[in-house]
Amino acid sequence: MVKQHDLGAPPGAHRRSRRVGRGDGSGRGSYSGRGQKGQGARSGNGKQPPGFEGNQLALVRRLPTLRGFTNHFRTDYATINLGQLEERAEAGQQVTPEWLAAQRLVDNANVLVKVLGGGELTKALQISAHRFSQSARQKLEQAGGAANELPLPRSAKKK
């Protein structure tokens, strides 16, 4: 049975602190591990901030900064190509954002969907999406399908 007075840290868990500047016989005398002269040898000046290069222009400041700007008012769409629908959908299928989410073609049914004209389409599909590219609309109508444009929610900004 283990008793409280038998418990203790394992051997080697506690290391004695290094006593510097206690004479040359200690192995840490003389310059006390600080080298010779210079900024690092002075008291209170041992640490510099990360990226400090001793009055040289720091690397962070030498590199070019980010350029351009980000439009925070843009509307993001999940894009689907007609070729993807050709593989998954059957002729006459109603394609909605909910169906696309069920097929894992978009993350969830609440995203805005834009249909692009990539790939070939031979099936007549009834597609409901928030946006259609001109080529997608054209290919869809040539295949005998219909493009139903859904209204944008109020939270989405209109371009």
C-alpha atoms as a PDB file:
ATOM      1  CA  MET A   1       0.000   0.000   0.000  1.00  0.00           C
ATOM      2  CA  VAL A   2       1.283   3.459  -0.930  1.00  0.00           C
ATOM      3  CA  LYS A   3       1.574   5.924   1.917  1.00  0.00           C
ATOM      4  CA  GLN A   4       1.661   9.670   1.624  1.00  0.00           C
ATOM      5  CA  HIS A   5       5.173   9.912   3.028  1.00  0.00           C
ATOM      6  CA  ASP A   6       6.399   7.462   0.350  1.00  0.00           C
ATOM      7  CA  LEU A   7       5.263   9.719  -2.487  1.00  0.00           C
ATOM      8  CA  GLY A   8       7.799  12.010  -4.106  1.00  0.00           C
ATOM      9  CA  ALA A   9       9.024  13.319  -7.394  1.00  0.00           C
ATOM     10  CA  PRO A  10      10.932  10.805  -9.527  1.00  0.00           C
ATOM     11  CA  PRO A  11      14.719  11.074  -9.591  1.00  0.00           C
ATOM     12  CA  GLY A  12      15.899  13.851 -11.867  1.00  0.00           C
ATOM     13  CA  ALA A  13      12.611  15.757 -11.752  1.00  0.00           C
ATOM     14  CA  HIS A  14      14.098  18.626  -9.760  1.00  0.00           C
ATOM     15  CA  ARG A  15      17.229  20.281 -11.110  1.00  0.00           C
ATOM     16  CA  ARG A  16      19.183  22.693  -8.987  1.00  0.00           C
ATOM     17  CA  SER A  17      19.357  26.226 -10.375  1.00  0.00           C
ATOM     18  CA  ARG A  18      22.629  27.235 -12.001  1.00  0.00           C
ATOM     19  CA  ARG A  19      24.598  29.617  -9.769  1.00  0.00           C
ATOM     20  CA  VAL A  20      26.580  31.871 -12.074  1.00  0.00           C
ATOM     21  CA  GLY A  21      29.243  34.366 -11.090  1.00  0.00           C
ATOM     22  CA  ARG A  22      30.538  32.364  -8.127  1.00  0.00           C
ATOM     23  CA  GLY A  23      34.193  32.148  -9.115  1.00  0.00           C
ATOM     24  CA  ASP A  24      36.206  30.489 -11.859  1.00  0.00           C
ATOM     25  CA  GLY A  25      36.261  27.179 -10.024  1.00  0.00           C
ATOM     26  CA  SER A  26      32.499  26.812 -10.472  1.00  0.00           C
ATOM     27  CA  GLY A  27      32.789  26.723 -14.272  1.00  0.00           C
ATOM     28  CA  ARG A  28      30.444  29.712 -14.497  1.00  0.00           C
ATOM     29  CA  GLY A  29      32.669  32.456 -13.203  1.00  0.00           C
ATOM     30  CA  SER A  30      34.465  35.272 -15.015  1.00  0.00           C
ATOM     31  CA  TYR A  31      32.005  36.357 -17.747  1.00  0.00           C
ATOM     32  CA  SER A  32      29.224  34.179 -16.257  1.00  0.00           C
ATOM     33  CA  GLY A  33      28.025  32.748 -19.563  1.00  0.00           C
ATOM     34  CA  ARG A  34      27.478  36.168 -21.169  1.00  0.00           C
ATOM     35  CA  GLY A  35      30.427  36.093 -23.528  1.00  0.00           C
ATOM     36  CA  GLN A  36      32.600  39.175 -23.685  1.00  0.00           C
ATOM     37  CA  LYS A  37      31.579  42.779 -24.271  1.00  0.00           C
ATOM     38  CA  GLY A  38      28.445  43.917 -26.080  1.00  0.00           C
ATOM     39  CA  GLN A  39      24.742  44.409 -25.656  1.00  0.00           C
ATOM     40  CA  GLY A  40      24.120  40.899 -24.385  1.00  0.00           C
ATOM     41  CA  ALA A  41      26.757  41.287 -21.683  1.00  0.00           C
ATOM     42  CA  ARG A  42      25.136  44.365 -20.124  1.00  0.00           C
ATOM     43  CA  SER A  43      22.665  44.085 -17.295  1.00  0.00           C
ATOM     44  CA  GLY A  44      19.055  44.666 -18.279  1.00  0.00           C
ATOM     45  CA  ASN A  45      19.810  44.469 -22.021  1.00  0.00           C
ATOM     46  CA  GLY A  46      19.971  40.733 -22.531  1.00  0.00           C
ATOM     47  CA  LYS A  47      16.701  40.257 -24.422  1.00  0.00           C
ATOM     48  CA  GLN A  48      15.661  41.941 -27.643  1.00  0.00           C
ATOM     49  CA  PRO A  49      12.200  41.610 -29.187  1.00  0.00           C
ATOM     50  CA  PRO A  50      11.688  38.958 -31.878  1.00  0.00           C
ATOM     51  CA  GLY A  51      12.831  40.218 -35.270  1.00  0.00           C
ATOM     52  CA  PHE A  52      15.241  42.779 -33.770  1.00  0.00           C
ATOM     53  CA  GLU A  53      18.358  43.057 -35.949  1.00  0.00           C
ATOM     54  CA  GLY A  54      20.510  45.558 -34.086  1.00  0.00           C
ATOM     55  CA  ASN A  55      19.655  48.799 -35.923  1.00  0.00           C
ATOM     56  CA  GLN A  56      19.646  47.038 -39.291  1.00  0.00           C
ATOM     57  CA  LEU A  57      16.343  47.366 -41.145  1.00  0.00           C
ATOM     58  CA  ALA A  58      14.410  44.326 -39.970  1.00  0.00           C
ATOM     59  CA  LEU A  59      13.462  41.591 -42.421  1.00  0.00           C
ATOM     60  CA  VAL A  60       9.791  42.228 -41.706  1.00  0.00           C
ATOM     61  CA  ARG A  61      10.202  45.802 -42.890  1.00  0.00           C
ATOM     62  CA  ARG A  62      12.365  44.899 -45.898  1.00  0.00           C
ATOM     63  CA  LEU A  63       9.732  42.596 -47.404  1.00  0.00           C
ATOM     64  CA  PRO A  64       6.943  44.086 -49.535  1.00  0.00           C
ATOM     65  CA  THR A  65       3.670  44.656 -47.757  1.00  0.00           C
ATOM     66  CA  LEU A  66       0.295  43.288 -48.742  1.00  0.00           C
ATOM     67  CA  ARG A  67      -1.077  45.221 -51.663  1.00  0.00           C
ATOM     68  CA  GLY A  68      -4.533  45.817 -53.052  1.00  0.00           C
ATOM     69  CA  PHE A  69      -7.651  45.704 -50.965  1.00  0.00           C
ATOM     70  CA  THR A  70     -10.409  43.311 -49.936  1.00  0.00           C
ATOM     71  CA  ASN A  71     -13.988  44.167 -50.788  1.00  0.00           C
ATOM     72  CA  HIS A  72     -15.900  43.331 -47.604  1.00  0.00           C
ATOM     73  CA  PHE A  73     -19.243  43.853 -49.357  1.00  0.00           C
ATOM     74  CA  ARG A  74     -18.789  41.206 -52.039  1.00  0.00           C
ATOM     75  CA  THR A  75     -21.290  38.384 -52.373  1.00  0.00           C
ATOM     76  CA  ASP A  76     -19.814  34.893 -52.197  1.00  0.00           C
ATOM     77  CA  TYR A  77     -21.383  32.092 -54.200  1.00  0.00           C
ATOM     78  CA  ALA A  78     -20.858  28.357 -54.139  1.00  0.00           C
ATOM     79  CA  THR A  79     -20.246  27.466 -57.791  1.00  0.00           C
ATOM     80  CA  ILE A  80     -21.528  24.393 -59.608  1.00  0.00           C
ATOM     81  CA  ASN A  81     -20.672  23.436 -63.180  1.00  0.00           C
ATOM     82  CA  LEU A  82     -23.229  21.887 -65.506  1.00  0.00           C
ATOM     83  CA  GLY A  83     -20.844  18.948 -66.007  1.00  0.00           C
ATOM     84  CA  GLN A  84     -21.206  18.048 -62.314  1.00  0.00           C
ATOM     85  CA  LEU A  85     -24.998  18.065 -62.641  1.00  0.00           C
ATOM     86  CA  GLU A  86     -24.780  15.929 -65.804  1.00  0.00           C
ATOM     87  CA  GLU A  87     -23.067  13.201 -63.749  1.00  0.00           C
ATOM     88  CA  ARG A  88     -25.368  13.291 -60.705  1.00  0.00           C
ATOM     89  CA  ALA A  89     -28.841  14.355 -61.848  1.00  0.00           C
ATOM     90  CA  GLU A  90     -31.388  12.418 -63.885  1.00  0.00           C
ATOM     91  CA  ALA A  91     -33.386  13.857 -66.800  1.00  0.00           C
ATOM     92  CA  GLY A  92     -36.246  16.082 -65.610  1.00  0.00           C
ATOM     93  CA  GLN A  93     -34.733  16.385 -62.117  1.00  0.00           C
ATOM     94  CA  GLN A  94     -35.541  19.417 -59.958  1.00  0.00           C
ATOM     95  CA  VAL A  95     -32.132  20.780 -58.860  1.00  0.00           C
ATOM     96  CA  THR A  96     -32.352  23.046 -55.796  1.00  0.00           C
ATOM     97  CA  PRO A  97     -29.792  24.205 -53.232  1.00  0.00           C
ATOM     98  CA  GLU A  98     -31.243  21.598 -50.832  1.00  0.00           C
ATOM     99  CA  TRP A  99     -30.682  18.815 -53.398  1.00  0.00           C
ATOM    100  CA  LEU A 100     -27.146  20.064 -54.043  1.00  0.00           C
ATOM    101  CA  ALA A 101     -26.432  19.970 -50.296  1.00  0.00           C
ATOM    102  CA  ALA A 102     -27.834  16.434 -50.073  1.00  0.00           C
ATOM    103  CA  GLN A 103     -25.514  15.425 -52.934  1.00  0.00           C
ATOM    104  CA  ARG A 104     -22.626  17.172 -51.111  1.00  0.00           C
ATOM    105  CA  LEU A 105     -21.961  19.440 -54.068  1.00  0.00           C
ATOM    106  CA  VAL A 106     -22.277  22.474 -51.750  1.00  0.00           C
ATOM    107  CA  ASP A 107     -21.574  22.789 -48.022  1.00  0.00           C
ATOM    108  CA  ASN A 108     -25.153  23.371 -46.913  1.00  0.00           C
ATOM    109  CA  ALA A 109     -28.522  24.447 -48.286  1.00  0.00           C
ATOM    110  CA  ASN A 110     -28.139  28.025 -46.996  1.00  0.00           C
ATOM    111  CA  VAL A 111     -25.290  29.045 -49.326  1.00  0.00           C
ATOM    112  CA  LEU A 112     -25.876  31.164 -52.402  1.00  0.00           C
ATOM    113  CA  VAL A 113     -25.465  29.029 -55.515  1.00  0.00           C
ATOM    114  CA  LYS A 114     -24.217  30.120 -58.925  1.00  0.00           C
ATOM    115  CA  VAL A 115     -24.401  27.718 -61.874  1.00  0.00           C
ATOM    116  CA  LEU A 116     -21.539  27.939 -64.356  1.00  0.00           C
ATOM    117  CA  GLY A 117     -21.397  26.561 -67.888  1.00  0.00           C
ATOM    118  CA  GLY A 118     -18.417  24.212 -67.492  1.00  0.00           C
ATOM    119  CA  GLY A 119     -18.877  20.773 -69.049  1.00  0.00           C
ATOM    120  CA  GLU A 120     -21.580  19.423 -71.335  1.00  0.00           C
ATOM    121  CA  LEU A 121     -25.277  19.031 -70.540  1.00  0.00           C
ATOM    122  CA  THR A 122     -27.542  16.615 -72.411  1.00  0.00           C
ATOM    123  CA  LYS A 123     -30.365  16.220 -69.870  1.00  0.00           C
ATOM    124  CA  ALA A 124     -33.312  18.571 -69.445  1.00  0.00           C
ATOM    125  CA  LEU A 125     -32.973  19.773 -65.856  1.00  0.00           C
ATOM    126  CA  GLN A 126     -35.065  22.241 -63.861  1.00  0.00           C
ATOM    127  CA  ILE A 127     -32.396  24.172 -61.955  1.00  0.00           C
ATOM    128  CA  SER A 128     -33.178  26.665 -59.194  1.00  0.00           C
ATOM    129  CA  ALA A 129     -30.194  28.776 -58.167  1.00  0.00           C
ATOM    130  CA  HIS A 130     -29.392  32.335 -57.153  1.00  0.00           C
ATOM    131  CA  ARG A 131     -27.293  33.139 -60.237  1.00  0.00           C
ATOM    132  CA  PHE A 132     -26.564  31.655 -63.668  1.00  0.00           C
ATOM    133  CA  SER A 133     -23.728  32.472 -66.026  1.00  0.00           C
ATOM    134  CA  GLN A 134     -24.743  33.304 -69.605  1.00  0.00           C
ATOM    135  CA  SER A 135     -23.158  30.119 -70.949  1.00  0.00           C
ATOM    136  CA  ALA A 136     -24.908  27.980 -68.303  1.00  0.00           C
ATOM    137  CA  ARG A 137     -28.295  29.501 -69.132  1.00  0.00           C
ATOM    138  CA  GLN A 138     -27.678  28.979 -72.847  1.00  0.00           C
ATOM    139  CA  LYS A 139     -26.599  25.318 -72.495  1.00  0.00           C
ATOM    140  CA  LEU A 140     -29.495  24.601 -70.147  1.00  0.00           C
ATOM    141  CA  GLU A 141     -32.060  25.972 -72.587  1.00  0.00           C
ATOM    142  CA  GLN A 142     -30.454  24.092 -75.512  1.00  0.00           C
ATOM    143  CA  ALA A 143     -30.825  20.841 -73.551  1.00  0.00           C
ATOM    144  CA  GLY A 144     -34.516  21.606 -72.952  1.00  0.00           C
ATOM    145  CA  GLY A 145     -34.193  22.556 -69.296  1.00  0.00           C
ATOM    146  CA  ALA A 146     -35.157  25.679 -67.382  1.00  0.00           C
ATOM    147  CA  ALA A 147     -33.216  28.131 -65.212  1.00  0.00           C
ATOM    148  CA  ASN A 148     -35.190  29.425 -62.241  1.00  0.00           C
ATOM    149  CA  GLU A 149     -33.388  32.313 -60.537  1.00  0.00           C
ATOM    150  CA  LEU A 150     -34.005  32.423 -56.780  1.00  0.00           C
ATOM    151  CA  PRO A 151     -34.190  35.798 -55.004  1.00  0.00           C
ATOM    152  CA  LEU A 152     -31.183  36.800 -52.922  1.00  0.00           C
ATOM    153  CA  PRO A 153     -31.800  36.947 -49.173  1.00  0.00           C
ATOM    154  CA  ARG A 154     -31.810  40.402 -47.611  1.00  0.00           C
ATOM    155  CA  SER A 155     -28.476  39.772 -45.904  1.00  0.00           C
ATOM    156  CA  ALA A 156     -26.713  39.315 -49.272  1.00  0.00           C
ATOM    157  CA  LYS A 157     -25.713  42.572 -50.925  1.00  0.00           C
ATOM    158  CA  LYS A 158     -26.720  43.003 -54.539  1.00  0.00           C
ATOM    159  CA  LYS A 159     -23.850  43.906 -56.861  1.00  0.00           C
END
